[in-house]
Amino acid sequence: MARPAKLARSKPTRQLILNAAETIFAELGFSTARLEDVAQAVGLKRSSIVHYFKSKQDLYDAVEADIFAALEAETRSRTATTADAWGLLFQVVDSWLDFMVARPAAARITQRISADIAPRLSNPVEFSESTLVTIEAALREGQASGEFRTVRSSHVVNILGGSILHYVCNARELGTDRAYRPNDPVELEAFRSLLHETARALLEVREQAG
């Protein structure tokens, strides 16, 4: 336990707990993960975890809030000076992709959200709402300018956002012969290009036949 204790002294304890909990919730899921698991990973007693987070639900909420706040901050930073509709959409998509590649535990938790309803029965978008609003705003801008055809935002999120999560989470889940590294620069840029092509196929205005 010497190493976690050293880390605890060198970094704010609350954030250290959040980082460890993000990994554990990603690996085990909400139902299976325990506060004891987080305490062991950080090198603290369970009572120390409860000092910062009163329950497993409270800790999970804080992890999810931290993920989506960081994602939204990254997206806003990258879209702040983007003027045209396509550029704005691609920056949103790219920020999602790069964030999840850099933070794979967050990608696994986000993917679990769609399959495990236990942590978020009352409001499934309690922490992800601002992320969804951001891409909806980009879609409305393109539709208002006539550059995008009208498509349900939920379809766009499922196709583009879902693809990003699968890309990050499935790197070793498709068999040894199909394994890849999501953060490999060549692999990543090839996937990014396909995402952009997919977005164009979804949203480009199509000429009327005849």
N, C-alpha and C. Protein backbone atom coordinates (compact mmCIF):
# COMPACT_ATOMS: atom_id res chain seq x y z
N MET A 1 0.80 -1.21 0.00
CA MET A 1 0.00 0.00 0.00
C MET A 1 0.85 1.27 0.00
N ALA A 2 2.15 1.15 0.00
CA ALA A 2 3.01 2.33 0.12
C ALA A 2 2.82 3.28 -1.05
N ARG A 3 2.68 2.72 -2.26
CA ARG A 3 2.58 3.58 -3.42
C ARG A 3 1.30 4.42 -3.43
N PRO A 4 0.10 3.82 -3.21
CA PRO A 4 -1.10 4.65 -3.16
C PRO A 4 -1.04 5.72 -2.08
N ALA A 5 -0.46 5.40 -0.90
CA ALA A 5 -0.36 6.39 0.16
C ALA A 5 0.49 7.58 -0.29
N LYS A 6 1.55 7.30 -1.02
CA LYS A 6 2.41 8.37 -1.54
C LYS A 6 1.64 9.24 -2.52
N LEU A 7 0.86 8.60 -3.37
CA LEU A 7 0.04 9.34 -4.32
C LEU A 7 -0.95 10.24 -3.59
N ALA A 8 -1.53 9.73 -2.52
CA ALA A 8 -2.52 10.49 -1.78
C ALA A 8 -1.92 11.77 -1.22
N ARG A 9 -0.66 11.75 -0.87
CA ARG A 9 -0.03 12.95 -0.35
C ARG A 9 0.31 13.94 -1.46
N SER A 10 0.51 13.45 -2.67
CA SER A 10 0.97 14.32 -3.74
C SER A 10 -0.15 14.88 -4.58
N LYS A 11 -1.39 14.50 -4.33
CA LYS A 11 -2.51 14.92 -5.15
C LYS A 11 -3.71 15.10 -4.24
N PRO A 12 -4.59 16.09 -4.53
CA PRO A 12 -5.78 16.24 -3.70
C PRO A 12 -6.54 14.92 -3.57
N THR A 13 -6.85 14.55 -2.35
CA THR A 13 -7.41 13.23 -2.08
C THR A 13 -8.73 13.01 -2.79
N ARG A 14 -9.57 14.02 -2.83
CA ARG A 14 -10.88 13.86 -3.47
C ARG A 14 -10.73 13.47 -4.94
N GLN A 15 -9.84 14.17 -5.65
CA GLN A 15 -9.64 13.86 -7.06
C GLN A 15 -8.99 12.50 -7.24
N LEU A 16 -8.11 12.14 -6.34
CA LEU A 16 -7.50 10.81 -6.40
C LEU A 16 -8.56 9.72 -6.25
N ILE A 17 -9.50 9.93 -5.35
CA ILE A 17 -10.60 8.98 -5.17
C ILE A 17 -11.45 8.91 -6.43
N LEU A 18 -11.76 10.06 -7.02
CA LEU A 18 -12.55 10.08 -8.25
C LEU A 18 -11.85 9.31 -9.37
N ASN A 19 -10.55 9.52 -9.50
CA ASN A 19 -9.81 8.84 -10.57
C ASN A 19 -9.84 7.32 -10.38
N ALA A 20 -9.64 6.88 -9.15
CA ALA A 20 -9.67 5.44 -8.88
C ALA A 20 -11.07 4.89 -9.09
N ALA A 21 -12.08 5.62 -8.63
CA ALA A 21 -13.46 5.16 -8.77
C ALA A 21 -13.87 5.07 -10.23
N GLU A 22 -13.39 5.99 -11.06
CA GLU A 22 -13.71 5.95 -12.49
C GLU A 22 -13.23 4.63 -13.10
N THR A 23 -12.02 4.24 -12.76
CA THR A 23 -11.48 2.98 -13.28
C THR A 23 -12.27 1.78 -12.76
N ILE A 24 -12.61 1.79 -11.49
CA ILE A 24 -13.30 0.65 -10.89
C ILE A 24 -14.73 0.53 -11.40
N PHE A 25 -15.45 1.65 -11.49
CA PHE A 25 -16.80 1.60 -12.05
C PHE A 25 -16.77 1.17 -13.51
N ALA A 26 -15.74 1.58 -14.24
CA ALA A 26 -15.62 1.17 -15.64
C ALA A 26 -15.40 -0.32 -15.76
N GLU A 27 -14.59 -0.88 -14.87
CA GLU A 27 -14.25 -2.30 -14.95
C GLU A 27 -15.34 -3.20 -14.38
N LEU A 28 -15.96 -2.77 -13.27
CA LEU A 28 -16.88 -3.65 -12.56
C LEU A 28 -18.35 -3.29 -12.74
N GLY A 29 -18.64 -2.06 -13.13
CA GLY A 29 -20.01 -1.61 -13.18
C GLY A 29 -20.49 -1.13 -11.82
N PHE A 30 -21.58 -0.38 -11.82
CA PHE A 30 -22.08 0.21 -10.59
C PHE A 30 -22.47 -0.85 -9.56
N SER A 31 -23.22 -1.86 -9.98
CA SER A 31 -23.76 -2.82 -9.03
C SER A 31 -22.69 -3.63 -8.33
N THR A 32 -21.64 -3.99 -9.04
CA THR A 32 -20.60 -4.86 -8.49
C THR A 32 -19.55 -4.08 -7.71
N ALA A 33 -19.24 -2.89 -8.14
CA ALA A 33 -18.18 -2.11 -7.49
C ALA A 33 -18.55 -1.79 -6.04
N ARG A 34 -17.53 -1.72 -5.18
CA ARG A 34 -17.74 -1.41 -3.76
C ARG A 34 -16.85 -0.25 -3.35
N LEU A 35 -17.27 0.46 -2.33
CA LEU A 35 -16.41 1.50 -1.79
C LEU A 35 -15.09 0.93 -1.29
N GLU A 36 -15.14 -0.31 -0.80
CA GLU A 36 -13.90 -0.96 -0.34
C GLU A 36 -12.91 -1.12 -1.49
N ASP A 37 -13.42 -1.38 -2.69
CA ASP A 37 -12.53 -1.52 -3.85
C ASP A 37 -11.81 -0.20 -4.13
N VAL A 38 -12.55 0.88 -4.04
CA VAL A 38 -11.96 2.20 -4.28
C VAL A 38 -10.95 2.53 -3.19
N ALA A 39 -11.33 2.26 -1.95
CA ALA A 39 -10.43 2.53 -0.83
C ALA A 39 -9.12 1.78 -0.99
N GLN A 40 -9.21 0.51 -1.38
CA GLN A 40 -8.00 -0.29 -1.56
C GLN A 40 -7.13 0.27 -2.68
N ALA A 41 -7.77 0.70 -3.77
CA ALA A 41 -7.01 1.22 -4.90
C ALA A 41 -6.27 2.50 -4.55
N VAL A 42 -6.87 3.31 -3.67
CA VAL A 42 -6.27 4.59 -3.30
C VAL A 42 -5.30 4.44 -2.12
N GLY A 43 -5.45 3.36 -1.36
CA GLY A 43 -4.61 3.18 -0.20
C GLY A 43 -5.16 3.87 1.03
N LEU A 44 -6.50 3.93 1.11
CA LEU A 44 -7.18 4.54 2.24
C LEU A 44 -8.13 3.54 2.87
N LYS A 45 -8.65 3.89 4.03
CA LYS A 45 -9.70 3.08 4.64
C LYS A 45 -11.05 3.49 4.05
N ARG A 46 -12.01 2.56 4.14
CA ARG A 46 -13.35 2.86 3.64
C ARG A 46 -13.92 4.11 4.31
N SER A 47 -13.65 4.27 5.59
CA SER A 47 -14.17 5.43 6.31
C SER A 47 -13.64 6.74 5.74
N SER A 48 -12.45 6.70 5.18
CA SER A 48 -11.89 7.90 4.55
C SER A 48 -12.63 8.24 3.27
N ILE A 49 -13.05 7.22 2.51
CA ILE A 49 -13.83 7.45 1.31
C ILE A 49 -15.16 8.11 1.68
N VAL A 50 -15.79 7.57 2.73
CA VAL A 50 -17.09 8.09 3.16
C VAL A 50 -16.98 9.52 3.67
N HIS A 51 -15.81 9.90 4.11
CA HIS A 51 -15.60 11.29 4.53
C HIS A 51 -15.82 12.25 3.36
N TYR A 52 -15.47 11.82 2.15
CA TYR A 52 -15.62 12.64 0.96
C TYR A 52 -16.92 12.36 0.22
N PHE A 53 -17.34 11.11 0.21
CA PHE A 53 -18.54 10.69 -0.53
C PHE A 53 -19.37 9.79 0.38
N LYS A 54 -20.58 10.21 0.71
CA LYS A 54 -21.35 9.55 1.76
C LYS A 54 -21.84 8.16 1.37
N SER A 55 -21.87 7.83 0.08
CA SER A 55 -22.37 6.53 -0.36
C SER A 55 -21.78 6.19 -1.72
N LYS A 56 -21.98 4.94 -2.14
CA LYS A 56 -21.52 4.55 -3.48
C LYS A 56 -22.23 5.36 -4.55
N GLN A 57 -23.52 5.63 -4.35
CA GLN A 57 -24.27 6.44 -5.31
C GLN A 57 -23.70 7.84 -5.40
N ASP A 58 -23.37 8.42 -4.27
CA ASP A 58 -22.79 9.76 -4.24
C ASP A 58 -21.46 9.79 -4.99
N LEU A 59 -20.65 8.76 -4.79
CA LEU A 59 -19.36 8.68 -5.49
C LEU A 59 -19.56 8.48 -6.98
N TYR A 60 -20.48 7.60 -7.35
CA TYR A 60 -20.74 7.38 -8.77
C TYR A 60 -21.23 8.66 -9.44
N ASP A 61 -22.14 9.37 -8.77
CA ASP A 61 -22.64 10.63 -9.32
C ASP A 61 -21.49 11.61 -9.56
N ALA A 62 -20.58 11.67 -8.61
CA ALA A 62 -19.44 12.58 -8.73
C ALA A 62 -18.53 12.18 -9.89
N VAL A 63 -18.35 10.89 -10.09
CA VAL A 63 -17.55 10.40 -11.22
C VAL A 63 -18.20 10.78 -12.54
N GLU A 64 -19.49 10.51 -12.65
CA GLU A 64 -20.18 10.82 -13.90
C GLU A 64 -20.19 12.33 -14.15
N ALA A 65 -20.44 13.11 -13.11
CA ALA A 65 -20.43 14.57 -13.25
C ALA A 65 -19.06 15.05 -13.71
N ASP A 66 -18.00 14.47 -13.16
CA ASP A 66 -16.64 14.86 -13.52
C ASP A 66 -16.35 14.55 -14.98
N ILE A 67 -16.80 13.39 -15.44
CA ILE A 67 -16.58 12.99 -16.84
C ILE A 67 -17.24 13.98 -17.79
N PHE A 68 -18.52 14.24 -17.59
CA PHE A 68 -19.24 15.06 -18.55
C PHE A 68 -18.88 16.54 -18.43
N ALA A 69 -18.50 17.00 -17.24
CA ALA A 69 -18.02 18.38 -17.12
C ALA A 69 -16.71 18.56 -17.89
N ALA A 70 -15.83 17.58 -17.79
CA ALA A 70 -14.56 17.66 -18.51
C ALA A 70 -14.77 17.56 -20.01
N LEU A 71 -15.68 16.69 -20.44
CA LEU A 71 -15.97 16.56 -21.86
C LEU A 71 -16.57 17.85 -22.41
N GLU A 72 -17.50 18.44 -21.67
CA GLU A 72 -18.12 19.68 -22.13
C GLU A 72 -17.11 20.81 -22.18
N ALA A 73 -16.22 20.88 -21.21
CA ALA A 73 -15.19 21.93 -21.22
C ALA A 73 -14.28 21.77 -22.43
N GLU A 74 -13.89 20.53 -22.73
CA GLU A 74 -13.05 20.26 -23.90
C GLU A 74 -13.76 20.66 -25.18
N THR A 75 -15.04 20.30 -25.29
CA THR A 75 -15.81 20.61 -26.49
C THR A 75 -15.97 22.11 -26.67
N ARG A 76 -16.30 22.82 -25.61
CA ARG A 76 -16.48 24.27 -25.71
C ARG A 76 -15.17 24.96 -26.08
N SER A 77 -14.07 24.48 -25.55
CA SER A 77 -12.78 25.07 -25.88
C SER A 77 -12.47 24.92 -27.36
N ARG A 78 -12.79 23.77 -27.92
CA ARG A 78 -12.44 23.49 -29.31
C ARG A 78 -13.42 24.09 -30.30
N THR A 79 -14.61 24.45 -29.86
CA THR A 79 -15.61 25.01 -30.77
C THR A 79 -15.76 26.52 -30.62
N ALA A 80 -15.02 27.12 -29.73
CA ALA A 80 -15.22 28.54 -29.40
C ALA A 80 -15.02 29.46 -30.61
N THR A 81 -14.10 29.14 -31.49
CA THR A 81 -13.79 30.02 -32.61
C THR A 81 -14.22 29.44 -33.95
N THR A 82 -15.04 28.40 -33.94
CA THR A 82 -15.47 27.76 -35.18
C THR A 82 -16.76 28.42 -35.66
N ALA A 83 -16.75 28.89 -36.90
CA ALA A 83 -17.88 29.66 -37.41
C ALA A 83 -18.82 28.85 -38.30
N ASP A 84 -18.28 28.03 -39.21
CA ASP A 84 -19.15 27.35 -40.16
C ASP A 84 -19.75 26.09 -39.57
N ALA A 85 -20.89 25.67 -40.10
CA ALA A 85 -21.67 24.57 -39.52
C ALA A 85 -20.92 23.25 -39.57
N TRP A 86 -20.31 22.93 -40.71
CA TRP A 86 -19.60 21.66 -40.81
C TRP A 86 -18.39 21.64 -39.89
N GLY A 87 -17.67 22.75 -39.85
CA GLY A 87 -16.51 22.83 -38.96
C GLY A 87 -16.91 22.67 -37.51
N LEU A 88 -18.04 23.26 -37.14
CA LEU A 88 -18.53 23.15 -35.76
C LEU A 88 -18.88 21.70 -35.44
N LEU A 89 -19.60 21.05 -36.33
CA LEU A 89 -19.98 19.67 -36.08
C LEU A 89 -18.75 18.77 -35.97
N PHE A 90 -17.80 18.94 -36.89
CA PHE A 90 -16.61 18.09 -36.85
C PHE A 90 -15.79 18.34 -35.59
N GLN A 91 -15.76 19.58 -35.11
CA GLN A 91 -15.04 19.86 -33.87
C GLN A 91 -15.71 19.19 -32.68
N VAL A 92 -17.04 19.19 -32.67
CA VAL A 92 -17.76 18.49 -31.59
C VAL A 92 -17.43 17.00 -31.63
N VAL A 93 -17.55 16.40 -32.80
CA VAL A 93 -17.27 14.97 -32.95
C VAL A 93 -15.82 14.66 -32.58
N ASP A 94 -14.90 15.49 -33.06
CA ASP A 94 -13.48 15.26 -32.78
C ASP A 94 -13.18 15.40 -31.29
N SER A 95 -13.82 16.35 -30.63
CA SER A 95 -13.58 16.51 -29.20
C SER A 95 -14.08 15.30 -28.43
N TRP A 96 -15.23 14.76 -28.83
CA TRP A 96 -15.73 13.53 -28.19
C TRP A 96 -14.74 12.38 -28.40
N LEU A 97 -14.31 12.23 -29.65
CA LEU A 97 -13.41 11.12 -29.98
C LEU A 97 -12.10 11.24 -29.21
N ASP A 98 -11.46 12.38 -29.25
CA ASP A 98 -10.16 12.54 -28.60
C ASP A 98 -10.27 12.42 -27.08
N PHE A 99 -11.36 12.93 -26.52
CA PHE A 99 -11.56 12.82 -25.08
C PHE A 99 -11.68 11.37 -24.66
N MET A 100 -12.50 10.60 -25.36
CA MET A 100 -12.72 9.21 -24.98
C MET A 100 -11.50 8.35 -25.22
N VAL A 101 -10.75 8.64 -26.27
CA VAL A 101 -9.50 7.90 -26.52
C VAL A 101 -8.50 8.17 -25.40
N ALA A 102 -8.43 9.42 -24.96
CA ALA A 102 -7.49 9.78 -23.89
C ALA A 102 -7.95 9.29 -22.52
N ARG A 103 -9.25 9.03 -22.38
CA ARG A 103 -9.81 8.66 -21.07
C ARG A 103 -10.71 7.43 -21.24
N PRO A 104 -10.12 6.28 -21.55
CA PRO A 104 -10.91 5.10 -21.90
C PRO A 104 -11.84 4.61 -20.80
N ALA A 105 -11.49 4.82 -19.53
CA ALA A 105 -12.41 4.43 -18.45
C ALA A 105 -13.70 5.22 -18.55
N ALA A 106 -13.60 6.49 -18.93
CA ALA A 106 -14.80 7.31 -19.11
C ALA A 106 -15.65 6.76 -20.25
N ALA A 107 -15.00 6.29 -21.30
CA ALA A 107 -15.74 5.69 -22.42
C ALA A 107 -16.49 4.44 -21.97
N ARG A 108 -15.85 3.62 -21.15
CA ARG A 108 -16.51 2.40 -20.68
C ARG A 108 -17.69 2.72 -19.77
N ILE A 109 -17.54 3.72 -18.91
CA ILE A 109 -18.65 4.12 -18.06
C ILE A 109 -19.79 4.67 -18.90
N THR A 110 -19.47 5.49 -19.87
CA THR A 110 -20.51 6.06 -20.74
C THR A 110 -21.24 4.97 -21.50
N GLN A 111 -20.50 3.96 -21.95
CA GLN A 111 -21.14 2.84 -22.63
C GLN A 111 -22.01 2.04 -21.67
N ARG A 112 -21.55 1.89 -20.43
CA ARG A 112 -22.35 1.16 -19.43
C ARG A 112 -23.66 1.88 -19.12
N ILE A 113 -23.68 3.21 -19.23
CA ILE A 113 -24.87 3.97 -18.90
C ILE A 113 -26.07 3.50 -19.72
N SER A 114 -25.83 3.14 -20.98
CA SER A 114 -26.93 2.71 -21.84
C SER A 114 -27.41 1.31 -21.52
N ALA A 115 -26.59 0.54 -20.80
CA ALA A 115 -26.95 -0.85 -20.51
C ALA A 115 -27.36 -1.08 -19.06
N ASP A 116 -26.85 -0.24 -18.16
CA ASP A 116 -27.10 -0.43 -16.73
C ASP A 116 -27.92 0.73 -16.21
N ILE A 117 -29.21 0.50 -15.98
CA ILE A 117 -30.10 1.58 -15.57
C ILE A 117 -30.06 1.84 -14.07
N ALA A 118 -29.39 0.98 -13.32
CA ALA A 118 -29.42 1.07 -11.86
C ALA A 118 -28.97 2.42 -11.31
N PRO A 119 -27.87 3.01 -11.80
CA PRO A 119 -27.41 4.25 -11.16
C PRO A 119 -28.24 5.48 -11.50
N ARG A 120 -29.04 5.43 -12.55
CA ARG A 120 -29.65 6.66 -13.03
C ARG A 120 -31.12 6.46 -13.40
N LEU A 121 -31.87 5.84 -12.49
CA LEU A 121 -33.28 5.54 -12.77
C LEU A 121 -34.11 6.80 -12.93
N SER A 122 -33.88 7.81 -12.11
CA SER A 122 -34.75 8.98 -12.10
C SER A 122 -34.49 9.92 -13.26
N ASN A 123 -33.24 10.08 -13.66
CA ASN A 123 -32.90 11.03 -14.72
C ASN A 123 -31.65 10.55 -15.45
N PRO A 124 -31.80 9.83 -16.54
CA PRO A 124 -30.63 9.25 -17.22
C PRO A 124 -29.68 10.28 -17.82
N VAL A 125 -30.14 11.52 -18.02
CA VAL A 125 -29.26 12.54 -18.60
C VAL A 125 -28.90 13.62 -17.57
N GLU A 126 -28.94 13.25 -16.31
CA GLU A 126 -28.67 14.22 -15.25
C GLU A 126 -27.34 14.94 -15.46
N PHE A 127 -26.33 14.23 -15.91
CA PHE A 127 -25.01 14.83 -16.07
C PHE A 127 -24.61 14.97 -17.54
N SER A 128 -25.25 14.24 -18.44
CA SER A 128 -24.88 14.28 -19.86
C SER A 128 -25.71 15.27 -20.67
N GLU A 129 -26.68 15.91 -20.05
CA GLU A 129 -27.59 16.80 -20.78
C GLU A 129 -26.84 17.88 -21.55
N SER A 130 -25.87 18.52 -20.92
CA SER A 130 -25.16 19.61 -21.60
C SER A 130 -24.40 19.12 -22.82
N THR A 131 -23.90 17.90 -22.76
CA THR A 131 -23.21 17.31 -23.91
C THR A 131 -24.17 17.11 -25.07
N LEU A 132 -25.36 16.63 -24.78
CA LEU A 132 -26.37 16.42 -25.81
C LEU A 132 -26.85 17.75 -26.39
N VAL A 133 -27.01 18.74 -25.53
CA VAL A 133 -27.44 20.06 -25.98
C VAL A 133 -26.41 20.66 -26.94
N THR A 134 -25.13 20.42 -26.69
CA THR A 134 -24.08 20.98 -27.54
C THR A 134 -24.17 20.46 -28.96
N ILE A 135 -24.36 19.15 -29.13
CA ILE A 135 -24.45 18.63 -30.49
C ILE A 135 -25.78 19.00 -31.13
N GLU A 136 -26.83 19.09 -30.34
CA GLU A 136 -28.12 19.53 -30.89
C GLU A 136 -28.03 20.96 -31.42
N ALA A 137 -27.30 21.81 -30.71
CA ALA A 137 -27.11 23.18 -31.17
C ALA A 137 -26.34 23.22 -32.49
N ALA A 138 -25.32 22.37 -32.62
CA ALA A 138 -24.56 22.31 -33.87
C ALA A 138 -25.43 21.83 -35.01
N LEU A 139 -26.30 20.87 -34.74
CA LEU A 139 -27.20 20.37 -35.78
C LEU A 139 -28.21 21.45 -36.18
N ARG A 140 -28.76 22.16 -35.21
CA ARG A 140 -29.73 23.22 -35.53
C ARG A 140 -29.09 24.31 -36.37
N GLU A 141 -27.83 24.64 -36.06
CA GLU A 141 -27.15 25.68 -36.83
C GLU A 141 -27.00 25.26 -38.29
N GLY A 142 -26.61 24.02 -38.52
CA GLY A 142 -26.47 23.54 -39.89
C GLY A 142 -27.79 23.44 -40.62
N GLN A 143 -28.84 23.06 -39.91
CA GLN A 143 -30.17 22.98 -40.51
C GLN A 143 -30.71 24.36 -40.84
N ALA A 144 -30.45 25.32 -39.94
CA ALA A 144 -30.94 26.69 -40.17
C ALA A 144 -30.27 27.33 -41.37
N SER A 145 -29.00 26.99 -41.61
CA SER A 145 -28.28 27.56 -42.75
C SER A 145 -28.55 26.80 -44.04
N GLY A 146 -29.28 25.70 -43.95
CA GLY A 146 -29.58 24.89 -45.13
C GLY A 146 -28.49 23.93 -45.52
N GLU A 147 -27.44 23.82 -44.68
CA GLU A 147 -26.33 22.92 -45.01
C GLU A 147 -26.58 21.48 -44.57
N PHE A 148 -27.43 21.30 -43.56
CA PHE A 148 -27.75 19.96 -43.07
C PHE A 148 -29.22 19.66 -43.37
N ARG A 149 -29.48 18.43 -43.74
CA ARG A 149 -30.88 18.03 -43.83
C ARG A 149 -31.40 17.71 -42.44
N THR A 150 -32.70 17.66 -42.30
CA THR A 150 -33.31 17.43 -41.00
C THR A 150 -33.21 15.95 -40.63
N VAL A 151 -32.53 15.69 -39.54
CA VAL A 151 -32.36 14.34 -39.01
C VAL A 151 -32.54 14.43 -37.50
N ARG A 152 -33.16 13.43 -36.91
CA ARG A 152 -33.32 13.42 -35.45
C ARG A 152 -31.96 13.43 -34.77
N SER A 153 -31.80 14.31 -33.80
CA SER A 153 -30.52 14.40 -33.10
C SER A 153 -30.17 13.09 -32.40
N SER A 154 -31.18 12.37 -31.91
CA SER A 154 -30.91 11.10 -31.24
C SER A 154 -30.29 10.09 -32.19
N HIS A 155 -30.67 10.14 -33.46
CA HIS A 155 -30.07 9.23 -34.44
C HIS A 155 -28.60 9.58 -34.67
N VAL A 156 -28.32 10.88 -34.74
CA VAL A 156 -26.95 11.32 -34.95
C VAL A 156 -26.08 10.93 -33.75
N VAL A 157 -26.60 11.14 -32.55
CA VAL A 157 -25.85 10.78 -31.34
C VAL A 157 -25.60 9.28 -31.29
N ASN A 158 -26.62 8.49 -31.61
CA ASN A 158 -26.46 7.03 -31.57
C ASN A 158 -25.42 6.56 -32.59
N ILE A 159 -25.45 7.13 -33.78
CA ILE A 159 -24.55 6.66 -34.83
C ILE A 159 -23.11 7.16 -34.60
N LEU A 160 -22.96 8.45 -34.35
CA LEU A 160 -21.61 9.00 -34.19
C LEU A 160 -21.06 8.75 -32.79
N GLY A 161 -21.86 9.10 -31.76
CA GLY A 161 -21.40 8.89 -30.38
C GLY A 161 -21.22 7.41 -30.07
N GLY A 162 -22.17 6.59 -30.52
CA GLY A 162 -22.06 5.16 -30.29
C GLY A 162 -20.83 4.56 -30.97
N SER A 163 -20.54 5.04 -32.17
CA SER A 163 -19.35 4.55 -32.88
C SER A 163 -18.08 4.89 -32.12
N ILE A 164 -18.02 6.08 -31.56
CA ILE A 164 -16.84 6.48 -30.79
C ILE A 164 -16.65 5.56 -29.58
N LEU A 165 -17.73 5.31 -28.85
CA LEU A 165 -17.61 4.45 -27.67
C LEU A 165 -17.19 3.04 -28.05
N HIS A 166 -17.75 2.50 -29.11
CA HIS A 166 -17.36 1.16 -29.54
C HIS A 166 -15.91 1.13 -30.01
N TYR A 167 -15.49 2.17 -30.70
CA TYR A 167 -14.10 2.23 -31.16
C TYR A 167 -13.14 2.15 -29.98
N VAL A 168 -13.43 2.90 -28.92
CA VAL A 168 -12.55 2.93 -27.77
C VAL A 168 -12.64 1.64 -26.96
N CYS A 169 -13.85 1.14 -26.77
CA CYS A 169 -14.06 0.01 -25.85
C CYS A 169 -13.85 -1.36 -26.48
N ASN A 170 -13.91 -1.44 -27.80
CA ASN A 170 -13.86 -2.75 -28.47
C ASN A 170 -12.50 -3.10 -29.04
N ALA A 171 -11.47 -2.38 -28.61
CA ALA A 171 -10.15 -2.59 -29.23
C ALA A 171 -9.65 -4.02 -29.10
N ARG A 172 -10.05 -4.70 -28.01
CA ARG A 172 -9.60 -6.09 -27.81
C ARG A 172 -10.78 -7.05 -27.74
N GLU A 173 -11.98 -6.56 -28.06
CA GLU A 173 -13.17 -7.38 -27.88
C GLU A 173 -13.63 -8.06 -29.17
N LEU A 174 -12.92 -7.88 -30.26
CA LEU A 174 -13.33 -8.45 -31.54
C LEU A 174 -12.45 -9.62 -31.96
N GLY A 175 -11.61 -10.10 -31.04
CA GLY A 175 -10.71 -11.20 -31.35
C GLY A 175 -9.30 -10.72 -31.58
N THR A 176 -8.35 -11.61 -31.36
CA THR A 176 -6.94 -11.25 -31.45
C THR A 176 -6.56 -10.69 -32.82
N ASP A 177 -7.07 -11.28 -33.89
CA ASP A 177 -6.70 -10.86 -35.23
C ASP A 177 -7.22 -9.47 -35.58
N ARG A 178 -8.23 -9.00 -34.85
CA ARG A 178 -8.82 -7.69 -35.14
C ARG A 178 -8.45 -6.64 -34.10
N ALA A 179 -7.61 -6.97 -33.18
CA ALA A 179 -7.24 -6.04 -32.11
C ALA A 179 -6.49 -4.84 -32.67
N TYR A 180 -6.63 -3.71 -32.00
CA TYR A 180 -5.96 -2.48 -32.42
C TYR A 180 -5.75 -1.60 -31.18
N ARG A 181 -4.99 -0.55 -31.35
CA ARG A 181 -4.81 0.43 -30.28
C ARG A 181 -5.55 1.71 -30.64
N PRO A 182 -6.59 2.07 -29.90
CA PRO A 182 -7.37 3.26 -30.26
C PRO A 182 -6.54 4.53 -30.35
N ASN A 183 -5.46 4.63 -29.53
CA ASN A 183 -4.66 5.84 -29.54
C ASN A 183 -3.50 5.80 -30.53
N ASP A 184 -3.40 4.74 -31.32
CA ASP A 184 -2.40 4.70 -32.38
C ASP A 184 -2.73 5.81 -33.39
N PRO A 185 -1.79 6.71 -33.69
CA PRO A 185 -2.11 7.86 -34.54
C PRO A 185 -2.69 7.50 -35.90
N VAL A 186 -2.16 6.48 -36.53
CA VAL A 186 -2.67 6.08 -37.85
C VAL A 186 -4.08 5.52 -37.73
N GLU A 187 -4.27 4.64 -36.76
CA GLU A 187 -5.59 4.05 -36.52
C GLU A 187 -6.61 5.13 -36.18
N LEU A 188 -6.23 6.04 -35.31
CA LEU A 188 -7.14 7.08 -34.86
C LEU A 188 -7.56 7.99 -36.00
N GLU A 189 -6.61 8.41 -36.82
CA GLU A 189 -6.95 9.32 -37.92
C GLU A 189 -7.78 8.63 -38.98
N ALA A 190 -7.55 7.34 -39.19
CA ALA A 190 -8.39 6.60 -40.15
C ALA A 190 -9.83 6.53 -39.65
N PHE A 191 -9.99 6.29 -38.35
CA PHE A 191 -11.34 6.23 -37.78
C PHE A 191 -11.98 7.61 -37.80
N ARG A 192 -11.21 8.66 -37.49
CA ARG A 192 -11.75 10.02 -37.52
C ARG A 192 -12.28 10.36 -38.91
N SER A 193 -11.51 9.98 -39.92
CA SER A 193 -11.93 10.25 -41.30
C SER A 193 -13.25 9.55 -41.62
N LEU A 194 -13.37 8.30 -41.17
CA LEU A 194 -14.62 7.58 -41.39
C LEU A 194 -15.79 8.23 -40.66
N LEU A 195 -15.54 8.73 -39.45
CA LEU A 195 -16.59 9.43 -38.71
C LEU A 195 -17.07 10.65 -39.48
N HIS A 196 -16.14 11.43 -40.02
CA HIS A 196 -16.50 12.61 -40.78
C HIS A 196 -17.31 12.22 -42.02
N GLU A 197 -16.87 11.17 -42.69
CA GLU A 197 -17.61 10.70 -43.87
C GLU A 197 -19.02 10.26 -43.49
N THR A 198 -19.13 9.59 -42.34
CA THR A 198 -20.44 9.15 -41.87
C THR A 198 -21.34 10.34 -41.56
N ALA A 199 -20.77 11.36 -40.92
CA ALA A 199 -21.54 12.56 -40.62
C ALA A 199 -22.04 13.22 -41.90
N ARG A 200 -21.19 13.28 -42.90
CA ARG A 200 -21.62 13.87 -44.17
C ARG A 200 -22.73 13.04 -44.83
N ALA A 201 -22.59 11.74 -44.78
CA ALA A 201 -23.62 10.87 -45.36
C ALA A 201 -24.96 11.05 -44.64
N LEU A 202 -24.90 11.28 -43.33
CA LEU A 202 -26.12 11.47 -42.55
C LEU A 202 -26.79 12.81 -42.83
N LEU A 203 -25.98 13.85 -43.03
CA LEU A 203 -26.51 15.21 -42.93
C LEU A 203 -26.47 16.03 -44.21
N GLU A 204 -25.70 15.62 -45.20
CA GLU A 204 -25.65 16.42 -46.42
C GLU A 204 -27.03 16.50 -47.06
N VAL A 205 -27.36 17.68 -47.56
CA VAL A 205 -28.64 17.88 -48.23
C VAL A 205 -28.60 17.14 -49.57
N ARG A 206 -29.61 16.35 -49.80
CA ARG A 206 -29.65 15.53 -51.01
C ARG A 206 -30.52 16.20 -52.06
N GLU A 207 -30.05 16.14 -53.29
CA GLU A 207 -30.83 16.72 -54.39
C GLU A 207 -32.05 15.85 -54.66
N GLN A 208 -33.15 16.52 -54.94
CA GLN A 208 -34.39 15.81 -55.23
C GLN A 208 -34.30 15.13 -56.59
N ALA A 209 -34.67 13.87 -56.67
CA ALA A 209 -34.64 13.14 -57.95
C ALA A 209 -35.70 13.70 -58.89
N GLY A 210 -35.39 13.77 -60.17
CA GLY A 210 -36.34 14.21 -61.17
C GLY A 210 -36.49 15.71 -61.19
